[in-house]
Amino acid sequence: MNCRLIIARYPKYGGLVGILSMALFHFPLFINRKISFYKLMGCGKNGTFDKNPDWNQWALLIVGEEAFVGDITFINGWFSFFKANITQHLLQPIEGHGTWDGKEVFGKLPKQTDYEGQIAVLTRATIRLNKLKSFWSNVGGVAAQMAGADGLISSVGIGEVPFIKQATFSVWESKAQMKNFAYKMHQHAEVIRKTKKEDWYSEEMFVRFKIIASR
C-alpha cells in the first residue's frame, strides 16, 4: 500500500479556488475504486500545528494499492488550469500506530523497523474540545523549535477542521535526526508527556514513511 500527499499552492487571491476544490474533488476521489482512503485538507501558515490558515495552500492525501494510487485526471487538470504550484510526495508507510476516522488507514504497521534513511512523518490528532486551551498553549514553542531542528528538510501543517483536527507532515534527512528532535529536545518531549498524562486527543495517528519519490 502506498499513498500520495499533494500540496497545492494557488496564486495570490486563489483562496476561493482552493475552497471550491475541497468540495469538487470529493466526487472523482469517491468513485475511484483504486483509492481506499482520502482526505481533503487545509494548511496552516507555519509548517506545523497552526490556528492561522493559509488560504492559498491546500492538501490532498490519497491512499491506495496502485503505485500512483489511481487516476486523478480531473484534479491534475484543475491544478494546471488555475496555475497551482504543486508539491507531491509518493510514500510507502513503514512504521506507525493509531487510527484516522476509526480506520487503520495504512493497515497493520510495525512500531519500529531497521530502516534508517530519509524519512517522512505524519502526526495527526483530533483534539478534545475541553483540551483545546491546553493543546494550543503548548504547541507554539515546539513549532518554533522544529523550524530550526537539525535534519529537517521541510514540514507543513494540514488539517480537516481548524483548531480541532490537526496534522503535521515533515520530511527528515534521517530517522536518527527525526528521533533526536522528537525525544531528546526537552520542550517536544514534555509536550509528548503532557499529551498522554492529560489525554488531549480523542483520536491520534503517527506514521513514518519511506519516500519513494518527491517532486
C-alpha atoms as a PDB file:
ATOM      1  CA  MET A   1       0.000   0.000   0.000  1.00  0.00           C
ATOM      2  CA  ASN A   2       1.271   3.446  -0.944  1.00  0.00           C
ATOM      3  CA  CYS A   3      -0.012   6.952  -0.543  1.00  0.00           C
ATOM      4  CA  ARG A   4       0.424  10.297  -2.209  1.00  0.00           C
ATOM      5  CA  LEU A   5       0.416  13.640  -0.446  1.00  0.00           C
ATOM      6  CA  ILE A   6      -0.221  16.632  -2.699  1.00  0.00           C
ATOM      7  CA  ILE A   7       0.291  20.203  -1.518  1.00  0.00           C
ATOM      8  CA  ALA A   8      -1.227  22.775  -3.883  1.00  0.00           C
ATOM      9  CA  ARG A   9      -0.332  26.453  -3.592  1.00  0.00           C
ATOM     10  CA  TYR A  10      -2.560  28.720  -5.653  1.00  0.00           C
ATOM     11  CA  PRO A  11      -1.508  32.164  -6.874  1.00  0.00           C
ATOM     12  CA  LYS A  12      -2.356  35.226  -4.802  1.00  0.00           C
ATOM     13  CA  TYR A  13      -6.093  35.604  -4.224  1.00  0.00           C
ATOM     14  CA  GLY A  14      -6.590  31.913  -5.087  1.00  0.00           C
ATOM     15  CA  GLY A  15      -8.197  31.087  -1.761  1.00  0.00           C
ATOM     16  CA  LEU A  16     -11.709  30.817  -3.167  1.00  0.00           C
ATOM     17  CA  VAL A  17     -10.457  28.394  -5.826  1.00  0.00           C
ATOM     18  CA  GLY A  18      -8.929  26.265  -3.075  1.00  0.00           C
ATOM     19  CA  ILE A  19     -12.148  26.252  -1.041  1.00  0.00           C
ATOM     20  CA  LEU A  20     -14.172  25.256  -4.105  1.00  0.00           C
ATOM     21  CA  SER A  21     -11.735  22.446  -4.902  1.00  0.00           C
ATOM     22  CA  MET A  22     -12.359  20.903  -1.488  1.00  0.00           C
ATOM     23  CA  ALA A  23     -15.982  20.388  -2.491  1.00  0.00           C
ATOM     24  CA  LEU A  24     -15.475  19.348  -6.123  1.00  0.00           C
ATOM     25  CA  PHE A  25     -12.616  16.891  -5.580  1.00  0.00           C
ATOM     26  CA  HIS A  26     -14.741  14.577  -3.461  1.00  0.00           C
ATOM     27  CA  PHE A  27     -16.587  13.125  -6.447  1.00  0.00           C
ATOM     28  CA  PRO A  28     -13.653  11.854  -8.589  1.00  0.00           C
ATOM     29  CA  LEU A  29     -11.947  10.506  -5.464  1.00  0.00           C
ATOM     30  CA  PHE A  30     -15.058   8.804  -4.077  1.00  0.00           C
ATOM     31  CA  ILE A  31     -15.830   6.912  -7.301  1.00  0.00           C
ATOM     32  CA  ASN A  32     -12.222   5.808  -7.908  1.00  0.00           C
ATOM     33  CA  ARG A  33     -12.053   2.157  -6.808  1.00  0.00           C
ATOM     34  CA  LYS A  34      -8.245   2.207  -6.684  1.00  0.00           C
ATOM     35  CA  ILE A  35      -8.419   4.615  -3.759  1.00  0.00           C
ATOM     36  CA  SER A  36      -9.068   3.125  -0.313  1.00  0.00           C
ATOM     37  CA  PHE A  37      -8.894   6.367   1.692  1.00  0.00           C
ATOM     38  CA  TYR A  38      -8.513  10.077   1.013  1.00  0.00           C
ATOM     39  CA  LYS A  39      -8.593  13.371   2.841  1.00  0.00           C
ATOM     40  CA  LEU A  40      -9.002  16.925   1.563  1.00  0.00           C
ATOM     41  CA  MET A  41      -7.426  19.413   3.955  1.00  0.00           C
ATOM     42  CA  GLY A  42      -6.451  22.995   4.557  1.00  0.00           C
ATOM     43  CA  CYS A  43      -2.975  24.145   5.586  1.00  0.00           C
ATOM     44  CA  GLY A  44      -1.563  26.235   8.392  1.00  0.00           C
ATOM     45  CA  LYS A  45       0.910  29.064   7.881  1.00  0.00           C
ATOM     46  CA  ASN A  46       3.880  27.994   9.965  1.00  0.00           C
ATOM     47  CA  GLY A  47       4.759  24.467   8.882  1.00  0.00           C
ATOM     48  CA  THR A  48       3.154  22.583  11.772  1.00  0.00           C
ATOM     49  CA  PHE A  49       0.038  22.688  14.013  1.00  0.00           C
ATOM     50  CA  ASP A  50      -1.307  26.198  13.423  1.00  0.00           C
ATOM     51  CA  LYS A  51      -4.519  28.083  14.195  1.00  0.00           C
ATOM     52  CA  ASN A  52      -3.881  30.512  11.329  1.00  0.00           C
ATOM     53  CA  PRO A  53      -4.991  29.096   7.950  1.00  0.00           C
ATOM     54  CA  ASP A  54      -3.075  29.661   4.736  1.00  0.00           C
ATOM     55  CA  TRP A  55      -5.942  30.300   2.338  1.00  0.00           C
ATOM     56  CA  ASN A  56      -3.763  29.867  -0.746  1.00  0.00           C
ATOM     57  CA  GLN A  57      -2.445  26.405   0.196  1.00  0.00           C
ATOM     58  CA  TRP A  58      -4.428  23.144   0.327  1.00  0.00           C
ATOM     59  CA  ALA A  59      -3.590  19.468   0.791  1.00  0.00           C
ATOM     60  CA  LEU A  60      -4.809  16.144  -0.578  1.00  0.00           C
ATOM     61  CA  LEU A  61      -3.874  12.743   0.861  1.00  0.00           C
ATOM     62  CA  ILE A  62      -4.696   9.651  -1.221  1.00  0.00           C
ATOM     63  CA  VAL A  63      -4.136   6.042  -0.132  1.00  0.00           C
ATOM     64  CA  GLY A  64      -4.358   3.010  -2.430  1.00  0.00           C
ATOM     65  CA  GLU A  65      -2.756  -0.161  -3.712  1.00  0.00           C
ATOM     66  CA  GLU A  66      -1.530   1.234  -7.033  1.00  0.00           C
ATOM     67  CA  ALA A  67       1.918   2.838  -7.307  1.00  0.00           C
ATOM     68  CA  PHE A  68       0.371   6.207  -8.078  1.00  0.00           C
ATOM     69  CA  VAL A  69      -2.904   5.419  -6.309  1.00  0.00           C
ATOM     70  CA  GLY A  70      -5.247   5.833  -9.197  1.00  0.00           C
ATOM     71  CA  ASP A  71      -6.046   8.259 -11.967  1.00  0.00           C
ATOM     72  CA  ILE A  72      -6.876  11.805 -10.847  1.00  0.00           C
ATOM     73  CA  THR A  73      -7.004  13.454 -14.272  1.00  0.00           C
ATOM     74  CA  PHE A  74      -9.718  15.942 -13.301  1.00  0.00           C
ATOM     75  CA  ILE A  75      -7.749  17.085 -10.253  1.00  0.00           C
ATOM     76  CA  ASN A  76      -4.490  17.436 -12.177  1.00  0.00           C
ATOM     77  CA  GLY A  77      -6.347  19.418 -14.843  1.00  0.00           C
ATOM     78  CA  TRP A  78      -7.784  21.708 -12.160  1.00  0.00           C
ATOM     79  CA  PHE A  79      -4.332  22.421 -10.755  1.00  0.00           C
ATOM     80  CA  SER A  80      -2.983  23.171 -14.221  1.00  0.00           C
ATOM     81  CA  PHE A  81      -5.883  25.438 -15.185  1.00  0.00           C
ATOM     82  CA  PHE A  82      -5.594  27.527 -12.024  1.00  0.00           C
ATOM     83  CA  LYS A  83      -1.768  27.572 -12.194  1.00  0.00           C
ATOM     84  CA  ALA A  84      -1.245  25.965  -8.798  1.00  0.00           C
ATOM     85  CA  ASN A  85       2.297  25.227  -7.671  1.00  0.00           C
ATOM     86  CA  ILE A  86       2.272  21.507  -6.772  1.00  0.00           C
ATOM     87  CA  THR A  87       4.492  19.551  -4.404  1.00  0.00           C
ATOM     88  CA  GLN A  88       3.916  15.792  -4.413  1.00  0.00           C
ATOM     89  CA  HIS A  89       5.314  13.018  -2.241  1.00  0.00           C
ATOM     90  CA  LEU A  90       4.823   9.356  -3.137  1.00  0.00           C
ATOM     91  CA  LEU A  91       5.181   7.454   0.124  1.00  0.00           C
ATOM     92  CA  GLN A  92       5.389   3.908   1.472  1.00  0.00           C
ATOM     93  CA  PRO A  93       4.178   3.577   5.087  1.00  0.00           C
ATOM     94  CA  ILE A  94       6.663   1.535   7.126  1.00  0.00           C
ATOM     95  CA  GLU A  95       6.031   2.208  10.828  1.00  0.00           C
ATOM     96  CA  GLY A  96       3.227   3.578  12.932  1.00  0.00           C
ATOM     97  CA  HIS A  97       0.134   3.224  15.035  1.00  0.00           C
ATOM     98  CA  GLY A  98      -3.282   4.778  15.566  1.00  0.00           C
ATOM     99  CA  THR A  99      -6.399   5.440  13.533  1.00  0.00           C
ATOM    100  CA  TRP A 100      -7.971   8.100  11.346  1.00  0.00           C
ATOM    101  CA  ASP A 101     -11.767   8.275  11.454  1.00  0.00           C
ATOM    102  CA  GLY A 102     -11.668   4.941  13.257  1.00  0.00           C
ATOM    103  CA  LYS A 103      -9.705   3.230  10.453  1.00  0.00           C
ATOM    104  CA  GLU A 104      -6.217   1.783  10.301  1.00  0.00           C
ATOM    105  CA  VAL A 105      -5.671   3.738   7.105  1.00  0.00           C
ATOM    106  CA  PHE A 106      -2.341   2.111   6.220  1.00  0.00           C
ATOM    107  CA  GLY A 107      -3.135  -1.354   7.565  1.00  0.00           C
ATOM    108  CA  LYS A 108      -1.218  -3.046  10.352  1.00  0.00           C
ATOM    109  CA  LEU A 109       2.208  -1.458  10.715  1.00  0.00           C
ATOM    110  CA  PRO A 110       5.112  -2.356  12.991  1.00  0.00           C
ATOM    111  CA  LYS A 111       6.058   0.279  15.544  1.00  0.00           C
ATOM    112  CA  GLN A 112       9.724   0.028  14.559  1.00  0.00           C
ATOM    113  CA  THR A 113      11.799  -1.244  11.626  1.00  0.00           C
ATOM    114  CA  ASP A 114      15.521  -1.202  10.863  1.00  0.00           C
ATOM    115  CA  TYR A 115      15.073   1.475   8.169  1.00  0.00           C
ATOM    116  CA  GLU A 116      17.327   4.479   8.894  1.00  0.00           C
ATOM    117  CA  GLY A 117      17.329   6.571   5.693  1.00  0.00           C
ATOM    118  CA  GLN A 118      15.470   9.719   4.660  1.00  0.00           C
ATOM    119  CA  ILE A 119      12.051   9.582   6.239  1.00  0.00           C
ATOM    120  CA  ALA A 120       8.694  11.378   6.275  1.00  0.00           C
ATOM    121  CA  VAL A 121       6.425  11.570   9.308  1.00  0.00           C
ATOM    122  CA  LEU A 122       2.699  12.210   9.582  1.00  0.00           C
ATOM    123  CA  THR A 123       1.358  13.093  13.034  1.00  0.00           C
ATOM    124  CA  ARG A 124      -2.355  13.794  13.296  1.00  0.00           C
ATOM    125  CA  ALA A 125      -4.878  14.113  16.096  1.00  0.00           C
ATOM    126  CA  THR A 126      -8.425  15.030  16.955  1.00  0.00           C
ATOM    127  CA  ILE A 127      -8.196  17.326  19.968  1.00  0.00           C
ATOM    128  CA  ARG A 128     -10.787  17.006  22.715  1.00  0.00           C
ATOM    129  CA  LEU A 129     -12.888  20.165  22.986  1.00  0.00           C
ATOM    130  CA  ASN A 130     -12.143  20.554  26.683  1.00  0.00           C
ATOM    131  CA  LYS A 131      -8.399  20.253  25.972  1.00  0.00           C
ATOM    132  CA  LEU A 132      -8.133  22.850  23.209  1.00  0.00           C
ATOM    133  CA  LYS A 133      -6.760  25.548  25.506  1.00  0.00           C
ATOM    134  CA  SER A 134      -4.050  23.259  26.912  1.00  0.00           C
ATOM    135  CA  PHE A 135      -3.089  21.985  23.469  1.00  0.00           C
ATOM    136  CA  TRP A 136      -2.742  25.362  21.780  1.00  0.00           C
ATOM    137  CA  SER A 137      -0.924  26.912  24.723  1.00  0.00           C
ATOM    138  CA  ASN A 138       1.802  24.255  24.456  1.00  0.00           C
ATOM    139  CA  VAL A 139       2.437  23.670  20.743  1.00  0.00           C
ATOM    140  CA  GLY A 140       3.682  27.135  19.771  1.00  0.00           C
ATOM    141  CA  GLY A 141       7.120  26.675  21.298  1.00  0.00           C
ATOM    142  CA  VAL A 142       7.523  23.245  19.738  1.00  0.00           C
ATOM    143  CA  ALA A 143       6.695  24.654  16.302  1.00  0.00           C
ATOM    144  CA  ALA A 144       9.416  27.279  16.689  1.00  0.00           C
ATOM    145  CA  GLN A 145      11.961  24.642  17.711  1.00  0.00           C
ATOM    146  CA  MET A 146      11.008  22.345  14.858  1.00  0.00           C
ATOM    147  CA  ALA A 147      11.701  25.029  12.258  1.00  0.00           C
ATOM    148  CA  GLY A 148      15.370  25.005  13.233  1.00  0.00           C
ATOM    149  CA  ALA A 149      15.756  21.309  14.021  1.00  0.00           C
ATOM    150  CA  ASP A 150      18.841  19.515  12.694  1.00  0.00           C
ATOM    151  CA  GLY A 151      17.942  17.293   9.751  1.00  0.00           C
ATOM    152  CA  LEU A 152      14.543  18.832   8.982  1.00  0.00           C
ATOM    153  CA  ILE A 153      14.072  19.223   5.218  1.00  0.00           C
ATOM    154  CA  SER A 154      10.505  20.533   5.157  1.00  0.00           C
ATOM    155  CA  SER A 155       7.251  20.493   7.082  1.00  0.00           C
ATOM    156  CA  VAL A 156       3.654  21.521   6.526  1.00  0.00           C
ATOM    157  CA  GLY A 157       0.673  21.824   8.833  1.00  0.00           C
ATOM    158  CA  ILE A 158      -2.506  20.255   7.441  1.00  0.00           C
ATOM    159  CA  GLY A 159      -5.936  19.540   8.845  1.00  0.00           C
ATOM    160  CA  GLU A 160      -9.597  18.769   8.194  1.00  0.00           C
ATOM    161  CA  VAL A 161     -11.134  21.067  10.813  1.00  0.00           C
ATOM    162  CA  PRO A 162      -9.459  24.255  12.082  1.00  0.00           C
ATOM    163  CA  PHE A 163      -8.381  24.136  15.751  1.00  0.00           C
ATOM    164  CA  ILE A 164      -9.679  20.563  16.289  1.00  0.00           C
ATOM    165  CA  LYS A 165      -8.428  18.091  13.638  1.00  0.00           C
ATOM    166  CA  GLN A 166      -4.766  18.846  13.044  1.00  0.00           C
ATOM    167  CA  ALA A 167      -1.771  17.135  11.438  1.00  0.00           C
ATOM    168  CA  THR A 168       1.872  17.802  10.648  1.00  0.00           C
ATOM    169  CA  PHE A 169       3.746  16.234   7.737  1.00  0.00           C
ATOM    170  CA  SER A 170       7.522  16.549   7.918  1.00  0.00           C
ATOM    171  CA  VAL A 171      10.486  15.238   5.912  1.00  0.00           C
ATOM    172  CA  TRP A 172      13.826  14.455   7.588  1.00  0.00           C
ATOM    173  CA  GLU A 173      17.282  13.603   6.340  1.00  0.00           C
ATOM    174  CA  SER A 174      17.363  10.509   8.569  1.00  0.00           C
ATOM    175  CA  LYS A 175      15.348   8.674  11.196  1.00  0.00           C
ATOM    176  CA  ALA A 176      18.065   9.375  13.778  1.00  0.00           C
ATOM    177  CA  GLN A 177      17.748  13.151  13.310  1.00  0.00           C
ATOM    178  CA  MET A 178      13.969  12.947  13.483  1.00  0.00           C
ATOM    179  CA  LYS A 179      14.191  10.974  16.750  1.00  0.00           C
ATOM    180  CA  ASN A 180      16.669  13.451  18.201  1.00  0.00           C
ATOM    181  CA  PHE A 181      14.088  16.179  17.774  1.00  0.00           C
ATOM    182  CA  ALA A 182      11.113  14.077  18.872  1.00  0.00           C
ATOM    183  CA  TYR A 183      12.550  12.545  22.012  1.00  0.00           C
ATOM    184  CA  LYS A 184      15.689  14.434  23.046  1.00  0.00           C
ATOM    185  CA  MET A 185      14.578  18.041  22.632  1.00  0.00           C
ATOM    186  CA  HIS A 186      13.191  18.901  26.053  1.00  0.00           C
ATOM    187  CA  GLN A 187      10.185  21.008  25.063  1.00  0.00           C
ATOM    188  CA  HIS A 188       8.918  18.491  22.497  1.00  0.00           C
ATOM    189  CA  ALA A 189       9.438  15.575  24.880  1.00  0.00           C
ATOM    190  CA  GLU A 190       7.486  17.493  27.539  1.00  0.00           C
ATOM    191  CA  VAL A 191       4.560  18.032  25.156  1.00  0.00           C
ATOM    192  CA  ILE A 192       4.515  14.301  24.373  1.00  0.00           C
ATOM    193  CA  ARG A 193       4.391  13.598  28.112  1.00  0.00           C
ATOM    194  CA  LYS A 194       1.515  16.065  28.640  1.00  0.00           C
ATOM    195  CA  THR A 195      -0.381  14.610  25.688  1.00  0.00           C
ATOM    196  CA  LYS A 196      -0.560  11.248  27.435  1.00  0.00           C
ATOM    197  CA  LYS A 197      -0.948  12.481  31.008  1.00  0.00           C
ATOM    198  CA  GLU A 198      -3.723  14.992  30.247  1.00  0.00           C
ATOM    199  CA  ASP A 199      -5.395  12.907  27.500  1.00  0.00           C
ATOM    200  CA  TRP A 200      -5.582  15.703  24.940  1.00  0.00           C
ATOM    201  CA  TYR A 201      -6.713  13.579  21.994  1.00  0.00           C
ATOM    202  CA  SER A 202      -9.855  11.598  21.284  1.00  0.00           C
ATOM    203  CA  GLU A 203      -8.043  10.014  18.320  1.00  0.00           C
ATOM    204  CA  GLU A 204      -4.460  10.084  17.103  1.00  0.00           C
ATOM    205  CA  MET A 205      -2.208   8.556  14.473  1.00  0.00           C
ATOM    206  CA  PHE A 206       1.542   8.528  13.958  1.00  0.00           C
ATOM    207  CA  VAL A 207       3.064   7.087  10.765  1.00  0.00           C
ATOM    208  CA  ARG A 208       6.565   7.066   9.294  1.00  0.00           C
ATOM    209  CA  PHE A 209       7.119   6.669   5.549  1.00  0.00           C
ATOM    210  CA  LYS A 210       9.892   5.748   3.184  1.00  0.00           C
ATOM    211  CA  ILE A 211       9.924   8.366   0.429  1.00  0.00           C
ATOM    212  CA  ILE A 212       9.582   6.724  -2.981  1.00  0.00           C
ATOM    213  CA  ALA A 213       9.578   9.970  -4.945  1.00  0.00           C
ATOM    214  CA  SER A 214       9.137  13.703  -4.391  1.00  0.00           C
ATOM    215  CA  ARG A 215       8.687  16.427  -6.946  1.00  0.00           C
END
